[in-house]
C-alpha atoms as a PDB file:
ATOM      1  CA  MET A   1     -39.713 -28.032 -28.006  1.00  0.00           C
ATOM      2  CA  LYS A   2     -39.903 -24.484 -29.329  1.00  0.00           C
ATOM      3  CA  LEU A   3     -36.789 -22.419 -28.636  1.00  0.00           C
ATOM      4  CA  PRO A   4     -37.041 -18.732 -27.696  1.00  0.00           C
ATOM      5  CA  ALA A   5     -36.553 -16.320 -30.562  1.00  0.00           C
ATOM      6  CA  ALA A   6     -33.560 -14.716 -28.835  1.00  0.00           C
ATOM      7  CA  LEU A   7     -31.239 -15.674 -26.023  1.00  0.00           C
ATOM      8  CA  VAL A   8     -32.363 -14.538 -22.624  1.00  0.00           C
ATOM      9  CA  LYS A   9     -29.724 -12.287 -21.074  1.00  0.00           C
ATOM     10  CA  ILE A  10     -28.961 -13.144 -17.464  1.00  0.00           C
ATOM     11  CA  SER A  11     -27.169 -10.432 -15.474  1.00  0.00           C
ATOM     12  CA  TYR A  12     -25.422 -10.772 -12.157  1.00  0.00           C
ATOM     13  CA  THR A  13     -24.916  -7.936  -9.734  1.00  0.00           C
ATOM     14  CA  ASN A  14     -22.017  -7.337  -7.377  1.00  0.00           C
ATOM     15  CA  PRO A  15     -23.439  -5.815  -4.172  1.00  0.00           C
ATOM     16  CA  ILE A  16     -19.990  -4.664  -3.017  1.00  0.00           C
ATOM     17  CA  ALA A  17     -19.337  -2.837  -6.283  1.00  0.00           C
ATOM     18  CA  GLU A  18     -22.837  -1.353  -6.274  1.00  0.00           C
ATOM     19  CA  TRP A  19     -22.395  -0.022  -2.721  1.00  0.00           C
ATOM     20  CA  TYR A  20     -18.998   1.513  -3.489  1.00  0.00           C
ATOM     21  CA  ASN A  21     -20.155   3.148  -6.719  1.00  0.00           C
ATOM     22  CA  ALA A  22     -23.248   4.547  -5.004  1.00  0.00           C
ATOM     23  CA  ASN A  23     -21.234   6.054  -2.152  1.00  0.00           C
ATOM     24  CA  THR A  24     -18.198   7.384  -4.000  1.00  0.00           C
ATOM     25  CA  GLU A  25     -17.746  10.358  -6.286  1.00  0.00           C
ATOM     26  CA  GLN A  26     -16.708   9.069  -9.684  1.00  0.00           C
ATOM     27  CA  PRO A  27     -13.964  10.845 -11.694  1.00  0.00           C
ATOM     28  CA  GLN A  28     -15.338  13.125 -14.370  1.00  0.00           C
ATOM     29  CA  LEU A  29     -12.569  12.332 -16.855  1.00  0.00           C
ATOM     30  CA  VAL A  30     -11.696   8.809 -17.926  1.00  0.00           C
ATOM     31  CA  ASN A  31      -7.949   9.364 -17.523  1.00  0.00           C
ATOM     32  CA  GLN A  32      -8.099  11.700 -14.545  1.00  0.00           C
ATOM     33  CA  TYR A  33      -6.418   9.151 -12.257  1.00  0.00           C
ATOM     34  CA  ASP A  34      -3.948   7.457 -14.614  1.00  0.00           C
ATOM     35  CA  LYS A  35      -1.026   7.259 -12.214  1.00  0.00           C
ATOM     36  CA  TYR A  36      -1.047   5.405  -8.898  1.00  0.00           C
ATOM     37  CA  ASP A  37      -4.721   4.455  -9.170  1.00  0.00           C
ATOM     38  CA  LYS A  38      -3.604   0.870  -8.459  1.00  0.00           C
ATOM     39  CA  GLY A  39      -1.417   1.973  -5.593  1.00  0.00           C
ATOM     40  CA  MET A  40       2.068   3.198  -4.761  1.00  0.00           C
ATOM     41  CA  LEU A  41       5.017   1.120  -3.577  1.00  0.00           C
ATOM     42  CA  ILE A  42       7.501   2.899  -1.307  1.00  0.00           C
ATOM     43  CA  SER A  43      10.825   1.226  -0.515  1.00  0.00           C
ATOM     44  CA  ILE A  44      13.207   2.611   2.107  1.00  0.00           C
ATOM     45  CA  SER A  45      16.819   1.469   2.491  1.00  0.00           C
ATOM     46  CA  ASN A  46      16.976   1.910   6.252  1.00  0.00           C
ATOM     47  CA  ASN A  47      20.416   2.307   7.804  1.00  0.00           C
ATOM     48  CA  GLN A  48      21.474   0.020  10.673  1.00  0.00           C
ATOM     49  CA  LEU A  49      17.959  -0.701  11.904  1.00  0.00           C
ATOM     50  CA  HIS A  50      16.364  -3.932  13.076  1.00  0.00           C
ATOM     51  CA  TYR A  51      12.729  -4.985  12.789  1.00  0.00           C
ATOM     52  CA  ASN A  52      11.674  -3.518  16.157  1.00  0.00           C
ATOM     53  CA  ASP A  53      13.394  -0.204  15.358  1.00  0.00           C
ATOM     54  CA  ILE A  54      11.439   0.124  12.124  1.00  0.00           C
ATOM     55  CA  ILE A  55       7.937  -0.945  13.185  1.00  0.00           C
ATOM     56  CA  LYS A  56       7.794   1.447  16.138  1.00  0.00           C
ATOM     57  CA  ASP A  57       7.738   4.357  13.675  1.00  0.00           C
ATOM     58  CA  PHE A  58       5.034   3.014  11.332  1.00  0.00           C
ATOM     59  CA  LYS A  59       2.318   5.372  12.619  1.00  0.00           C
ATOM     60  CA  GLU A  60       4.588   8.402  12.448  1.00  0.00           C
ATOM     61  CA  LEU A  61       5.726   7.401   8.947  1.00  0.00           C
ATOM     62  CA  TYR A  62       2.095   7.138   7.804  1.00  0.00           C
ATOM     63  CA  ILE A  63       1.406  10.609   9.201  1.00  0.00           C
ATOM     64  CA  SER A  64       4.505  12.022   7.478  1.00  0.00           C
ATOM     65  CA  PHE A  65       3.346  10.454   4.227  1.00  0.00           C
ATOM     66  CA  LEU A  66      -0.080  12.094   4.510  1.00  0.00           C
ATOM     67  CA  VAL A  67       1.515  15.463   5.287  1.00  0.00           C
ATOM     68  CA  GLY A  68       3.698  15.162   2.190  1.00  0.00           C
ATOM     69  CA  LEU A  69       0.707  14.040   0.127  1.00  0.00           C
ATOM     70  CA  THR A  70      -1.907  16.550   1.291  1.00  0.00           C
ATOM     71  CA  GLY A  71      -0.138  19.207   3.407  1.00  0.00           C
ATOM     72  CA  LYS A  72      -2.646  18.594   6.203  1.00  0.00           C
ATOM     73  CA  LYS A  73      -1.662  18.041   9.828  1.00  0.00           C
ATOM     74  CA  ILE A  74      -2.692  14.693  11.285  1.00  0.00           C
ATOM     75  CA  SER A  75      -3.067  13.676  14.925  1.00  0.00           C
ATOM     76  CA  LYS A  76      -1.563  10.314  15.842  1.00  0.00           C
ATOM     77  CA  TRP A  77      -4.654   9.674  17.985  1.00  0.00           C
ATOM     78  CA  ASN A  78      -6.665   9.331  14.768  1.00  0.00           C
ATOM     79  CA  VAL A  79      -4.335   6.737  13.280  1.00  0.00           C
ATOM     80  CA  ARG A  80      -5.099   3.027  13.683  1.00  0.00           C
ATOM     81  CA  GLN A  81      -2.539   0.234  13.277  1.00  0.00           C
ATOM     82  CA  ILE A  82      -3.366  -3.473  12.984  1.00  0.00           C
ATOM     83  CA  ASN A  83      -0.410  -5.840  13.298  1.00  0.00           C
ATOM     84  CA  GLY A  84      -0.450  -9.320  11.797  1.00  0.00           C
ATOM     85  CA  ASP A  85       0.297 -12.476  13.738  1.00  0.00           C
ATOM     86  CA  TRP A  86       3.667 -14.175  13.988  1.00  0.00           C
ATOM     87  CA  TYR A  87       2.172 -17.665  14.004  1.00  0.00           C
ATOM     88  CA  GLY A  88      -1.157 -17.050  12.279  1.00  0.00           C
ATOM     89  CA  ASP A  89      -2.359 -14.692   9.574  1.00  0.00           C
ATOM     90  CA  ARG A  90       0.500 -12.289   8.953  1.00  0.00           C
ATOM     91  CA  VAL A  91      -1.930  -9.881   7.281  1.00  0.00           C
ATOM     92  CA  ILE A  92      -4.920  -8.781   9.382  1.00  0.00           C
ATOM     93  CA  LEU A  93      -7.367  -6.220   7.997  1.00  0.00           C
ATOM     94  CA  PRO A  94     -10.471  -4.428   9.236  1.00  0.00           C
ATOM     95  CA  THR A  95     -13.783  -5.759   7.929  1.00  0.00           C
ATOM     96  CA  ARG A  96     -14.615  -5.477   4.235  1.00  0.00           C
ATOM     97  CA  GLU A  97     -17.311  -2.938   5.059  1.00  0.00           C
ATOM     98  CA  LYS A  98     -14.847  -0.826   7.065  1.00  0.00           C
ATOM     99  CA  LEU A  99     -12.275  -0.929   4.277  1.00  0.00           C
ATOM    100  CA  LEU A 100     -14.841   0.105   1.670  1.00  0.00           C
ATOM    101  CA  ASN A 101     -15.964   2.978   3.895  1.00  0.00           C
ATOM    102  CA  LEU A 102     -12.358   4.178   4.148  1.00  0.00           C
ATOM    103  CA  LEU A 103     -11.974   4.074   0.377  1.00  0.00           C
ATOM    104  CA  ALA A 104     -15.303   5.795  -0.224  1.00  0.00           C
ATOM    105  CA  ASN A 105     -14.190   8.572   2.150  1.00  0.00           C
ATOM    106  CA  LYS A 106     -10.941   8.971   0.148  1.00  0.00           C
ATOM    107  CA  ILE A 107      -8.722   7.883   3.050  1.00  0.00           C
ATOM    108  CA  PRO A 108      -5.334   6.449   2.005  1.00  0.00           C
ATOM    109  CA  VAL A 109      -4.559   3.052   3.537  1.00  0.00           C
ATOM    110  CA  MET A 110      -1.088   1.577   4.009  1.00  0.00           C
ATOM    111  CA  LEU A 111       0.328  -1.941   4.303  1.00  0.00           C
ATOM    112  CA  CYS A 112       3.820  -2.094   5.865  1.00  0.00           C
ATOM    113  CA  ALA A 113       6.477  -4.805   5.588  1.00  0.00           C
ATOM    114  CA  VAL A 114      10.024  -5.372   6.830  1.00  0.00           C
ATOM    115  CA  HIS A 115      12.734  -7.367   5.020  1.00  0.00           C
ATOM    116  CA  ASN A 116      16.277  -8.306   5.903  1.00  0.00           C
ATOM    117  CA  TYR A 117      19.141  -7.293   3.658  1.00  0.00           C
ATOM    118  CA  LYS A 118      21.156 -10.054   2.059  1.00  0.00           C
ATOM    119  CA  LYS A 119      23.775 -11.352   4.481  1.00  0.00           C
ATOM    120  CA  ASP A 120      26.547 -10.322   2.075  1.00  0.00           C
ATOM    121  CA  ASP A 121      25.003  -6.870   1.472  1.00  0.00           C
ATOM    122  CA  ILE A 122      27.243  -4.111   2.860  1.00  0.00           C
ATOM    123  CA  ARG A 123      24.129  -2.559   4.429  1.00  0.00           C
ATOM    124  CA  SER A 124      23.605  -5.693   6.516  1.00  0.00           C
ATOM    125  CA  LYS A 125      27.066  -5.369   8.070  1.00  0.00           C
ATOM    126  CA  GLY A 126      26.869  -8.904   9.423  1.00  0.00           C
ATOM    127  CA  LYS A 127      24.129  -7.913  11.884  1.00  0.00           C
ATOM    128  CA  GLU A 128      21.055  -8.788   9.798  1.00  0.00           C
ATOM    129  CA  TYR A 129      19.847  -5.207   9.533  1.00  0.00           C
ATOM    130  CA  CYS A 130      16.495  -4.572   7.851  1.00  0.00           C
ATOM    131  CA  HIS A 131      14.783  -2.322   5.323  1.00  0.00           C
ATOM    132  CA  SER A 132      11.107  -1.553   4.724  1.00  0.00           C
ATOM    133  CA  HIS A 133       8.400  -1.515   2.051  1.00  0.00           C
ATOM    134  CA  PHE A 134       5.010   0.213   2.047  1.00  0.00           C
ATOM    135  CA  TYR A 135       2.024  -0.276  -0.234  1.00  0.00           C
ATOM    136  CA  VAL A 136      -0.337   2.714  -0.225  1.00  0.00           C
ATOM    137  CA  TYR A 137      -3.742   2.771  -1.895  1.00  0.00           C
ATOM    138  CA  ASN A 138      -6.394   5.444  -2.513  1.00  0.00           C
ATOM    139  CA  ILE A 139      -3.892   8.278  -2.914  1.00  0.00           C
ATOM    140  CA  HIS A 140      -4.753   9.236  -6.500  1.00  0.00           C
ATOM    141  CA  HIS A 141      -7.455  11.608  -5.209  1.00  0.00           C
ATOM    142  CA  TYR A 142      -4.707  13.906  -3.868  1.00  0.00           C
ATOM    143  CA  LEU A 143      -2.088  13.708  -6.628  1.00  0.00           C
ATOM    144  CA  PRO A 144      -1.798  16.362  -9.353  1.00  0.00           C
ATOM    145  CA  LYS A 145      -2.327  15.068 -12.881  1.00  0.00           C
ATOM    146  CA  TYR A 146       0.360  17.166 -14.612  1.00  0.00           C
ATOM    147  CA  PRO A 147       3.845  15.529 -14.783  1.00  0.00           C
ATOM    148  CA  ILE A 148       5.917  18.376 -13.327  1.00  0.00           C
ATOM    149  CA  GLU A 149       3.529  18.938 -10.411  1.00  0.00           C
ATOM    150  CA  LEU A 150       3.365  15.189  -9.807  1.00  0.00           C
ATOM    151  CA  GLU A 151       7.151  14.894  -9.623  1.00  0.00           C
ATOM    152  CA  ASP A 152       7.259  17.811  -7.194  1.00  0.00           C
ATOM    153  CA  ARG A 153       4.698  16.060  -4.987  1.00  0.00           C
ATOM    154  CA  LYS A 154       6.666  12.810  -5.076  1.00  0.00           C
ATOM    155  CA  ASP A 155       9.814  14.709  -4.085  1.00  0.00           C
ATOM    156  CA  LYS A 156       7.932  16.281  -1.196  1.00  0.00           C
ATOM    157  CA  ILE A 157       6.779  12.858  -0.005  1.00  0.00           C
ATOM    158  CA  GLU A 158      10.317  11.496  -0.243  1.00  0.00           C
ATOM    159  CA  ARG A 159      11.640  14.418   1.817  1.00  0.00           C
ATOM    160  CA  HIS A 160       9.066  13.790   4.536  1.00  0.00           C
ATOM    161  CA  LEU A 161       9.972  10.088   4.636  1.00  0.00           C
ATOM    162  CA  SER A 162      13.743  10.581   4.616  1.00  0.00           C
ATOM    163  CA  ARG A 163      13.747  11.086   8.395  1.00  0.00           C
ATOM    164  CA  TYR A 164      13.001   7.369   8.804  1.00  0.00           C
ATOM    165  CA  THR A 165      16.121   6.200   6.967  1.00  0.00           C
ATOM    166  CA  ASN A 166      18.336   6.683  10.050  1.00  0.00           C
ATOM    167  CA  LEU A 167      20.788   8.684   7.939  1.00  0.00           C
ATOM    168  CA  ARG A 168      22.053  12.107   8.941  1.00  0.00           C
ATOM    169  CA  LYS A 169      21.541  13.559   5.475  1.00  0.00           C
ATOM    170  CA  ARG A 170      19.101  12.846   2.720  1.00  0.00           C
ATOM    171  CA  LYS A 171      20.593  10.712  -0.044  1.00  0.00           C
ATOM    172  CA  GLN A 172      19.240  10.116  -3.520  1.00  0.00           C
ATOM    173  CA  GLY A 173      17.666   6.688  -4.028  1.00  0.00           C
ATOM    174  CA  VAL A 174      17.298   5.765  -0.357  1.00  0.00           C
ATOM    175  CA  VAL A 175      13.536   6.401  -0.536  1.00  0.00           C
ATOM    176  CA  ARG A 176      12.093   5.040  -3.795  1.00  0.00           C
ATOM    177  CA  ILE A 177       8.542   5.525  -5.085  1.00  0.00           C
ATOM    178  CA  THR A 178       7.117   3.388  -7.896  1.00  0.00           C
ATOM    179  CA  GLU A 179       3.722   2.800  -9.477  1.00  0.00           C
ATOM    180  CA  VAL A 180       1.936  -0.491  -8.844  1.00  0.00           C
ATOM    181  CA  GLY A 181       0.515  -2.419 -11.784  1.00  0.00           C
ATOM    182  CA  LYS A 182       3.379  -1.575 -14.133  1.00  0.00           C
ATOM    183  CA  GLY A 183       6.215  -3.585 -15.648  1.00  0.00           C
ATOM    184  CA  LYS A 184       6.549  -7.050 -14.126  1.00  0.00           C
ATOM    185  CA  TYR A 185       3.243  -6.701 -12.271  1.00  0.00           C
ATOM    186  CA  LEU A 186       1.243  -5.266 -15.180  1.00  0.00           C
ATOM    187  CA  TYR A 187      -1.168  -8.219 -15.304  1.00  0.00           C
ATOM    188  CA  THR A 188      -0.976  -9.410 -11.693  1.00  0.00           C
ATOM    189  CA  ASP A 189      -1.849  -6.186  -9.824  1.00  0.00           C
ATOM    190  CA  ASN A 190      -5.082  -5.065 -11.440  1.00  0.00           C
ATOM    191  CA  VAL A 191      -6.348  -3.524  -8.195  1.00  0.00           C
ATOM    192  CA  SER A 192      -9.682  -1.760  -7.709  1.00  0.00           C
ATOM    193  CA  PRO A 193     -11.577  -0.610  -4.598  1.00  0.00           C
ATOM    194  CA  THR A 194     -13.828  -3.678  -4.688  1.00  0.00           C
ATOM    195  CA  THR A 195     -10.913  -6.121  -5.078  1.00  0.00           C
ATOM    196  CA  LEU A 196      -8.480  -4.451  -2.659  1.00  0.00           C
ATOM    197  CA  TYR A 197      -9.441  -6.596   0.348  1.00  0.00           C
ATOM    198  CA  ASP A 198      -8.624  -9.865  -1.426  1.00  0.00           C
ATOM    199  CA  TYR A 199      -5.521  -8.320  -2.968  1.00  0.00           C
ATOM    200  CA  LEU A 200      -4.131  -7.346   0.453  1.00  0.00           C
ATOM    201  CA  GLU A 201      -4.924 -10.848   1.724  1.00  0.00           C
ATOM    202  CA  SER A 202      -3.270 -12.541  -1.272  1.00  0.00           C
ATOM    203  CA  PRO A 203      -0.341 -13.954   0.800  1.00  0.00           C
ATOM    204  CA  ILE A 204      -3.001 -15.896   2.739  1.00  0.00           C
ATOM    205  CA  ARG A 205      -5.525 -16.604  -0.019  1.00  0.00           C
ATOM    206  CA  TYR A 206      -3.140 -17.082  -2.948  1.00  0.00           C
ATOM    207  CA  PRO A 207       0.307 -17.844  -1.468  1.00  0.00           C
ATOM    208  CA  HIS A 208       1.782 -18.810  -4.860  1.00  0.00           C
ATOM    209  CA  LYS A 209       0.448 -15.825  -6.803  1.00  0.00           C
ATOM    210  CA  GLU A 210       3.081 -13.314  -7.865  1.00  0.00           C
ATOM    211  CA  ASN A 211       2.186  -9.721  -7.011  1.00  0.00           C
ATOM    212  CA  VAL A 212       3.479  -6.768  -4.985  1.00  0.00           C
ATOM    213  CA  ILE A 213       1.785  -7.862  -1.744  1.00  0.00           C
ATOM    214  CA  ARG A 214       3.275 -11.359  -1.899  1.00  0.00           C
ATOM    215  CA  TYR A 215       6.673  -9.762  -2.585  1.00  0.00           C
ATOM    216  CA  MET A 216       6.249  -7.633   0.536  1.00  0.00           C
ATOM    217  CA  ALA A 217       5.186 -10.626   2.634  1.00  0.00           C
ATOM    218  CA  ASN A 218       8.188 -12.756   1.630  1.00  0.00           C
ATOM    219  CA  ASN A 219      11.360 -12.101   3.650  1.00  0.00           C
ATOM    220  CA  ARG A 220      13.397 -14.002   1.080  1.00  0.00           C
ATOM    221  CA  HIS A 221      16.888 -13.091   2.333  1.00  0.00           C
ATOM    222  CA  LEU A 222      16.230 -14.630   5.767  1.00  0.00           C
ATOM    223  CA  PRO A 223      13.383 -17.089   5.079  1.00  0.00           C
ATOM    224  CA  GLU A 224      13.491 -18.687   8.531  1.00  0.00           C
ATOM    225  CA  ILE A 225      12.034 -15.401   9.868  1.00  0.00           C
ATOM    226  CA  GLN A 226       8.834 -14.161   8.244  1.00  0.00           C
ATOM    227  CA  TYR A 227       7.749 -10.876   9.830  1.00  0.00           C
ATOM    228  CA  PRO A 228       4.081  -9.932  10.315  1.00  0.00           C
ATOM    229  CA  LEU A 229       2.740  -7.085   8.189  1.00  0.00           C
ATOM    230  CA  SER A 230       0.952  -4.017   9.565  1.00  0.00           C
ATOM    231  CA  PHE A 231      -2.125  -2.288   8.175  1.00  0.00           C
ATOM    232  CA  ILE A 232      -2.545   1.431   8.940  1.00  0.00           C
ATOM    233  CA  TYR A 233      -5.343   3.882   8.250  1.00  0.00           C
ATOM    234  CA  LEU A 234      -6.769   7.215   9.364  1.00  0.00           C
ATOM    235  CA  ASN A 235      -9.980   6.830  11.352  1.00  0.00           C
ATOM    236  CA  LYS A 236     -11.475  10.137  10.173  1.00  0.00           C
ATOM    237  CA  ARG A 237     -11.859  12.126   6.970  1.00  0.00           C
ATOM    238  CA  LEU A 238      -8.908  14.100   5.679  1.00  0.00           C
END
């Protein structure tokens, strides 16, 4: 049998990636979106609040975040919240097509989680008080690229979120903002628009995989209670 003179190259296409790339403006500079392009993790040390106290403010917190991020006023009637199930899938998302449309339209999306403090933590005060975590994606479109301006924007976001701490005065370190895909999660949180759906569903799809979303889904200090997560998005362009 005569072999071909050269190997035949077989290429495979990803229809999801093709659709996103065709419907999204691509950055002109390679490093234009260095920071937070894989998402932002926000942790809030809430004061004397239980699960129900925290989740009732998720929509308002999302709006406050967008105001701090963009300076634009948002109506709560345009905000959608999907709560996970207690005894089913604790993460419930819109369809893949809907999520890709949101990302293509540069709309930030947020996944919200509640954890208990350790029982011996002074913030628990023997009453199993809770704190909260938020993963936000698609925000890099609105962040300045210069370090000083970026830090000012982060400070503005923190100030807008400080009202949800249940403290009378703003305190340093109560609202913490960190990049995703750095440090411990450098190789586990390689998130992109076309992989975001599976990444957000990782507690269901890959329950033993270490990443930020699994960390958020695991109420490790009170494991007998595993709270549902909430997914929030704006149902119109910013």
